[in-house]
Amino acid sequence: MSFLSNLFGPPIPKLTATELSEKMKFGKHPLVIDVRQPEEFRQSHIAGAKLIPLGELYKHIKELPKGREIVCVCASGSRSRSAVKILAKEGYTVFDMQGGMAAWKSAKLPVQKG
């Protein structure tokens, strides 16, 4: 392992909002986990996303499927990076959606409210 990997951990696998949208349409449908707070989720989220606030991730980790890709999303990408690190250490195949919901909205992709 390189010095930087030892210092910061392995690189975080990432997807853009557009790549996630394409995966959801045409590929294997990944499990999208939104790690924001409930009030943020109610304002807008990706259709089909499962809300698990970052602070509750450890409590719900055993409920997540090991054989399915997981994509973590937050508002801008900071909390989702933390979630990806946690899940990767537990053996999940996990990606961070770069730029979070801000990037999703900038790409003019559909959101769900409520």
N, C-alpha and C. Protein backbone atom coordinates (compact mmCIF):
# COMPACT_ATOMS: atom_id res chain seq x y z
N MET A 1 0.84 -1.18 0.00
CA MET A 1 0.00 0.00 0.00
C MET A 1 0.89 1.25 0.00
N SER A 2 0.50 2.23 -0.73
CA SER A 2 1.30 3.45 -0.81
C SER A 2 1.17 4.26 0.48
N PHE A 3 2.10 5.20 0.63
CA PHE A 3 2.09 6.07 1.80
C PHE A 3 0.75 6.81 1.94
N LEU A 4 0.24 7.36 0.81
CA LEU A 4 -1.03 8.12 0.86
C LEU A 4 -2.20 7.22 1.22
N SER A 5 -2.22 5.99 0.69
CA SER A 5 -3.30 5.05 1.03
C SER A 5 -3.26 4.71 2.51
N ASN A 6 -2.05 4.55 3.05
CA ASN A 6 -1.93 4.27 4.49
C ASN A 6 -2.42 5.46 5.31
N LEU A 7 -2.13 6.65 4.83
CA LEU A 7 -2.48 7.86 5.55
C LEU A 7 -3.97 8.19 5.46
N PHE A 8 -4.52 8.13 4.26
CA PHE A 8 -5.91 8.56 4.02
C PHE A 8 -6.88 7.43 3.73
N GLY A 9 -6.42 6.22 3.58
CA GLY A 9 -7.27 5.10 3.20
C GLY A 9 -7.33 4.97 1.69
N PRO A 10 -7.97 3.91 1.21
CA PRO A 10 -8.04 3.71 -0.25
C PRO A 10 -8.89 4.79 -0.91
N PRO A 11 -8.70 5.01 -2.21
CA PRO A 11 -9.51 6.01 -2.91
C PRO A 11 -11.00 5.64 -2.84
N ILE A 12 -11.83 6.65 -2.80
CA ILE A 12 -13.28 6.44 -2.71
C ILE A 12 -13.85 6.31 -4.12
N PRO A 13 -14.53 5.18 -4.42
CA PRO A 13 -15.16 5.04 -5.74
C PRO A 13 -16.28 6.07 -5.89
N LYS A 14 -16.32 6.74 -7.04
CA LYS A 14 -17.29 7.82 -7.25
C LYS A 14 -18.08 7.62 -8.53
N LEU A 15 -19.28 8.20 -8.53
CA LEU A 15 -20.13 8.28 -9.71
C LEU A 15 -20.61 9.72 -9.83
N THR A 16 -20.80 10.18 -11.05
CA THR A 16 -21.44 11.48 -11.24
C THR A 16 -22.94 11.28 -11.15
N ALA A 17 -23.66 12.37 -11.05
CA ALA A 17 -25.13 12.30 -11.03
C ALA A 17 -25.65 11.66 -12.31
N THR A 18 -25.07 12.02 -13.43
CA THR A 18 -25.49 11.46 -14.72
C THR A 18 -25.21 9.97 -14.78
N GLU A 19 -24.04 9.54 -14.29
CA GLU A 19 -23.72 8.11 -14.28
C GLU A 19 -24.70 7.33 -13.40
N LEU A 20 -25.05 7.89 -12.26
CA LEU A 20 -26.03 7.22 -11.40
C LEU A 20 -27.38 7.14 -12.09
N SER A 21 -27.81 8.22 -12.72
CA SER A 21 -29.07 8.22 -13.44
C SER A 21 -29.10 7.14 -14.52
N GLU A 22 -28.00 7.03 -15.25
CA GLU A 22 -27.91 6.00 -16.30
C GLU A 22 -27.95 4.59 -15.70
N LYS A 23 -27.23 4.38 -14.62
CA LYS A 23 -27.26 3.07 -13.95
C LYS A 23 -28.68 2.72 -13.52
N MET A 24 -29.38 3.72 -13.01
CA MET A 24 -30.75 3.48 -12.54
C MET A 24 -31.69 3.15 -13.69
N LYS A 25 -31.44 3.73 -14.85
CA LYS A 25 -32.29 3.48 -16.01
C LYS A 25 -31.96 2.18 -16.72
N PHE A 26 -30.66 1.92 -16.91
CA PHE A 26 -30.26 0.86 -17.83
C PHE A 26 -29.44 -0.27 -17.22
N GLY A 27 -28.86 -0.03 -16.07
CA GLY A 27 -28.00 -1.06 -15.49
C GLY A 27 -28.68 -1.75 -14.34
N LYS A 28 -27.85 -2.37 -13.53
CA LYS A 28 -28.38 -2.93 -12.29
C LYS A 28 -28.76 -1.76 -11.41
N HIS A 29 -29.92 -1.80 -10.86
CA HIS A 29 -30.41 -0.68 -10.05
C HIS A 29 -29.70 -0.71 -8.70
N PRO A 30 -28.79 0.25 -8.47
CA PRO A 30 -28.12 0.28 -7.17
C PRO A 30 -29.08 0.76 -6.07
N LEU A 31 -28.75 0.42 -4.85
CA LEU A 31 -29.48 0.94 -3.71
C LEU A 31 -28.93 2.33 -3.42
N VAL A 32 -29.77 3.34 -3.50
CA VAL A 32 -29.34 4.71 -3.23
C VAL A 32 -29.69 5.03 -1.79
N ILE A 33 -28.65 5.36 -1.01
CA ILE A 33 -28.85 5.72 0.39
C ILE A 33 -28.59 7.21 0.53
N ASP A 34 -29.60 7.92 1.01
CA ASP A 34 -29.49 9.35 1.26
C ASP A 34 -29.13 9.52 2.73
N VAL A 35 -27.95 10.10 3.00
CA VAL A 35 -27.46 10.18 4.38
C VAL A 35 -27.71 11.56 5.01
N ARG A 36 -28.59 12.35 4.38
CA ARG A 36 -28.92 13.67 4.95
C ARG A 36 -29.93 13.50 6.09
N GLN A 37 -30.34 14.61 6.65
CA GLN A 37 -31.34 14.62 7.71
C GLN A 37 -32.75 14.52 7.11
N PRO A 38 -33.73 14.03 7.88
CA PRO A 38 -35.09 13.85 7.36
C PRO A 38 -35.69 15.11 6.72
N GLU A 39 -35.45 16.29 7.31
CA GLU A 39 -36.04 17.51 6.74
C GLU A 39 -35.42 17.83 5.38
N GLU A 40 -34.14 17.54 5.20
CA GLU A 40 -33.50 17.74 3.89
C GLU A 40 -34.08 16.77 2.87
N PHE A 41 -34.26 15.52 3.29
CA PHE A 41 -34.81 14.48 2.43
C PHE A 41 -36.22 14.85 1.96
N ARG A 42 -37.04 15.35 2.87
CA ARG A 42 -38.42 15.71 2.51
C ARG A 42 -38.46 16.84 1.47
N GLN A 43 -37.49 17.75 1.51
CA GLN A 43 -37.46 18.86 0.55
C GLN A 43 -37.26 18.35 -0.87
N SER A 44 -36.35 17.41 -1.05
CA SER A 44 -36.15 16.77 -2.36
C SER A 44 -35.16 15.63 -2.22
N HIS A 45 -35.43 14.56 -2.95
CA HIS A 45 -34.53 13.40 -2.95
C HIS A 45 -34.68 12.64 -4.26
N ILE A 46 -33.76 11.73 -4.49
CA ILE A 46 -33.80 10.87 -5.68
C ILE A 46 -34.89 9.83 -5.45
N ALA A 47 -35.75 9.65 -6.44
CA ALA A 47 -36.84 8.67 -6.33
C ALA A 47 -36.27 7.29 -6.00
N GLY A 48 -36.84 6.65 -5.01
CA GLY A 48 -36.41 5.32 -4.61
C GLY A 48 -35.28 5.30 -3.59
N ALA A 49 -34.73 6.47 -3.26
CA ALA A 49 -33.64 6.53 -2.29
C ALA A 49 -34.15 6.15 -0.91
N LYS A 50 -33.28 5.50 -0.15
CA LYS A 50 -33.60 5.11 1.22
C LYS A 50 -32.92 6.11 2.15
N LEU A 51 -33.68 6.70 3.05
CA LEU A 51 -33.12 7.66 4.00
C LEU A 51 -32.51 6.93 5.19
N ILE A 52 -31.20 7.12 5.37
CA ILE A 52 -30.50 6.67 6.57
C ILE A 52 -29.52 7.79 6.92
N PRO A 53 -29.92 8.69 7.83
CA PRO A 53 -29.00 9.77 8.21
C PRO A 53 -27.64 9.22 8.64
N LEU A 54 -26.60 9.94 8.30
CA LEU A 54 -25.24 9.46 8.58
C LEU A 54 -25.07 9.03 10.03
N GLY A 55 -25.61 9.78 10.95
CA GLY A 55 -25.49 9.44 12.37
C GLY A 55 -26.17 8.14 12.77
N GLU A 56 -27.03 7.61 11.91
CA GLU A 56 -27.75 6.36 12.19
C GLU A 56 -27.26 5.19 11.35
N LEU A 57 -26.22 5.42 10.54
CA LEU A 57 -25.77 4.39 9.60
C LEU A 57 -25.34 3.11 10.31
N TYR A 58 -24.56 3.22 11.38
CA TYR A 58 -24.11 2.01 12.08
C TYR A 58 -25.29 1.20 12.61
N LYS A 59 -26.34 1.89 13.05
CA LYS A 59 -27.51 1.22 13.61
C LYS A 59 -28.24 0.39 12.54
N HIS A 60 -28.17 0.82 11.28
CA HIS A 60 -28.91 0.15 10.20
C HIS A 60 -28.03 -0.65 9.25
N ILE A 61 -26.75 -0.73 9.52
CA ILE A 61 -25.81 -1.32 8.56
C ILE A 61 -26.13 -2.78 8.23
N LYS A 62 -26.61 -3.55 9.19
CA LYS A 62 -26.90 -4.97 8.95
C LYS A 62 -28.13 -5.17 8.07
N GLU A 63 -28.93 -4.11 7.88
CA GLU A 63 -30.12 -4.20 7.03
C GLU A 63 -29.78 -4.06 5.55
N LEU A 64 -28.55 -3.62 5.25
CA LEU A 64 -28.18 -3.34 3.86
C LEU A 64 -27.70 -4.61 3.16
N PRO A 65 -28.08 -4.78 1.88
CA PRO A 65 -27.69 -5.99 1.14
C PRO A 65 -26.22 -5.96 0.72
N LYS A 66 -25.51 -7.04 1.01
CA LYS A 66 -24.08 -7.12 0.65
C LYS A 66 -23.90 -7.37 -0.85
N GLY A 67 -24.84 -7.99 -1.51
CA GLY A 67 -24.67 -8.36 -2.92
C GLY A 67 -25.15 -7.31 -3.91
N ARG A 68 -25.44 -6.13 -3.47
CA ARG A 68 -25.97 -5.08 -4.35
C ARG A 68 -25.12 -3.83 -4.23
N GLU A 69 -24.90 -3.14 -5.35
CA GLU A 69 -24.16 -1.89 -5.31
C GLU A 69 -24.96 -0.87 -4.50
N ILE A 70 -24.24 -0.07 -3.72
CA ILE A 70 -24.85 0.98 -2.92
C ILE A 70 -24.22 2.30 -3.34
N VAL A 71 -25.05 3.32 -3.52
CA VAL A 71 -24.57 4.66 -3.83
C VAL A 71 -25.05 5.58 -2.72
N CYS A 72 -24.10 6.29 -2.10
CA CYS A 72 -24.42 7.21 -1.01
C CYS A 72 -24.53 8.63 -1.56
N VAL A 73 -25.55 9.35 -1.07
CA VAL A 73 -25.84 10.71 -1.53
C VAL A 73 -26.09 11.60 -0.31
N CYS A 74 -25.62 12.84 -0.39
CA CYS A 74 -25.95 13.84 0.63
C CYS A 74 -26.21 15.16 -0.09
N ALA A 75 -26.04 16.27 0.56
CA ALA A 75 -26.32 17.57 -0.06
C ALA A 75 -25.22 17.97 -1.04
N SER A 76 -23.95 17.81 -0.63
CA SER A 76 -22.85 18.28 -1.47
C SER A 76 -21.74 17.27 -1.68
N GLY A 77 -21.73 16.18 -0.94
CA GLY A 77 -20.73 15.15 -1.11
C GLY A 77 -19.88 14.87 0.12
N SER A 78 -19.98 15.67 1.15
CA SER A 78 -19.14 15.49 2.34
C SER A 78 -19.62 14.33 3.20
N ARG A 79 -20.88 14.33 3.58
CA ARG A 79 -21.41 13.25 4.43
C ARG A 79 -21.41 11.92 3.70
N SER A 80 -21.68 11.96 2.40
CA SER A 80 -21.71 10.70 1.64
C SER A 80 -20.32 10.07 1.57
N ARG A 81 -19.26 10.87 1.50
CA ARG A 81 -17.90 10.32 1.52
C ARG A 81 -17.65 9.58 2.84
N SER A 82 -18.10 10.15 3.92
CA SER A 82 -17.96 9.48 5.22
C SER A 82 -18.72 8.17 5.24
N ALA A 83 -19.92 8.17 4.71
CA ALA A 83 -20.74 6.95 4.66
C ALA A 83 -20.06 5.88 3.81
N VAL A 84 -19.49 6.28 2.67
CA VAL A 84 -18.81 5.33 1.79
C VAL A 84 -17.64 4.67 2.52
N LYS A 85 -16.88 5.45 3.26
CA LYS A 85 -15.75 4.89 4.01
C LYS A 85 -16.22 3.86 5.02
N ILE A 86 -17.30 4.17 5.72
CA ILE A 86 -17.85 3.25 6.72
C ILE A 86 -18.29 1.95 6.06
N LEU A 87 -19.06 2.07 4.98
CA LEU A 87 -19.60 0.87 4.32
C LEU A 87 -18.51 0.05 3.63
N ALA A 88 -17.53 0.72 3.04
CA ALA A 88 -16.44 -0.01 2.38
C ALA A 88 -15.66 -0.85 3.40
N LYS A 89 -15.44 -0.31 4.60
CA LYS A 89 -14.74 -1.06 5.65
C LYS A 89 -15.52 -2.30 6.07
N GLU A 90 -16.85 -2.24 5.91
CA GLU A 90 -17.71 -3.38 6.28
C GLU A 90 -17.89 -4.36 5.12
N GLY A 91 -17.23 -4.09 3.99
CA GLY A 91 -17.27 -5.05 2.87
C GLY A 91 -18.32 -4.81 1.82
N TYR A 92 -18.99 -3.67 1.84
CA TYR A 92 -20.01 -3.35 0.84
C TYR A 92 -19.38 -2.81 -0.43
N THR A 93 -20.04 -3.04 -1.56
CA THR A 93 -19.65 -2.42 -2.83
C THR A 93 -20.38 -1.09 -2.87
N VAL A 94 -19.63 -0.01 -2.70
CA VAL A 94 -20.25 1.28 -2.46
C VAL A 94 -19.57 2.40 -3.25
N PHE A 95 -20.37 3.37 -3.67
CA PHE A 95 -19.91 4.52 -4.44
C PHE A 95 -20.42 5.80 -3.80
N ASP A 96 -19.68 6.87 -4.01
CA ASP A 96 -20.08 8.20 -3.58
C ASP A 96 -20.58 8.95 -4.81
N MET A 97 -21.79 9.53 -4.73
CA MET A 97 -22.24 10.37 -5.83
C MET A 97 -21.63 11.75 -5.65
N GLN A 98 -20.73 12.10 -6.55
CA GLN A 98 -20.01 13.36 -6.49
C GLN A 98 -20.96 14.56 -6.52
N GLY A 99 -20.74 15.49 -5.63
CA GLY A 99 -21.50 16.74 -5.64
C GLY A 99 -22.87 16.65 -5.01
N GLY A 100 -23.29 15.46 -4.60
CA GLY A 100 -24.55 15.28 -3.90
C GLY A 100 -25.78 15.76 -4.67
N MET A 101 -26.81 16.11 -3.90
CA MET A 101 -28.07 16.56 -4.51
C MET A 101 -27.89 17.86 -5.29
N ALA A 102 -26.91 18.66 -4.92
CA ALA A 102 -26.64 19.89 -5.68
C ALA A 102 -26.26 19.53 -7.12
N ALA A 103 -25.43 18.51 -7.29
CA ALA A 103 -25.04 18.07 -8.63
C ALA A 103 -26.22 17.42 -9.36
N TRP A 104 -27.03 16.66 -8.64
CA TRP A 104 -28.21 16.01 -9.24
C TRP A 104 -29.15 17.07 -9.81
N LYS A 105 -29.41 18.10 -9.02
CA LYS A 105 -30.30 19.18 -9.47
C LYS A 105 -29.68 19.99 -10.60
N SER A 106 -28.37 20.22 -10.53
CA SER A 106 -27.67 20.97 -11.60
C SER A 106 -27.75 20.22 -12.92
N ALA A 107 -27.77 18.89 -12.86
CA ALA A 107 -27.88 18.07 -14.07
C ALA A 107 -29.33 18.00 -14.56
N LYS A 108 -30.23 18.69 -13.84
CA LYS A 108 -31.66 18.73 -14.18
C LYS A 108 -32.30 17.34 -14.18
N LEU A 109 -31.88 16.52 -13.23
CA LEU A 109 -32.45 15.19 -13.07
C LEU A 109 -33.65 15.29 -12.12
N PRO A 110 -34.61 14.38 -12.25
CA PRO A 110 -35.85 14.50 -11.48
C PRO A 110 -35.65 14.25 -9.98
N VAL A 111 -36.41 14.99 -9.19
CA VAL A 111 -36.40 14.81 -7.74
C VAL A 111 -37.82 14.52 -7.27
N GLN A 112 -37.88 13.91 -6.12
CA GLN A 112 -39.16 13.61 -5.49
C GLN A 112 -39.21 14.42 -4.20
N LYS A 113 -40.39 14.86 -3.83
CA LYS A 113 -40.56 15.62 -2.59
C LYS A 113 -41.41 14.81 -1.62
N GLY A 114 -41.25 15.11 -0.35
CA GLY A 114 -42.06 14.44 0.66
C GLY A 114 -41.34 13.34 1.36
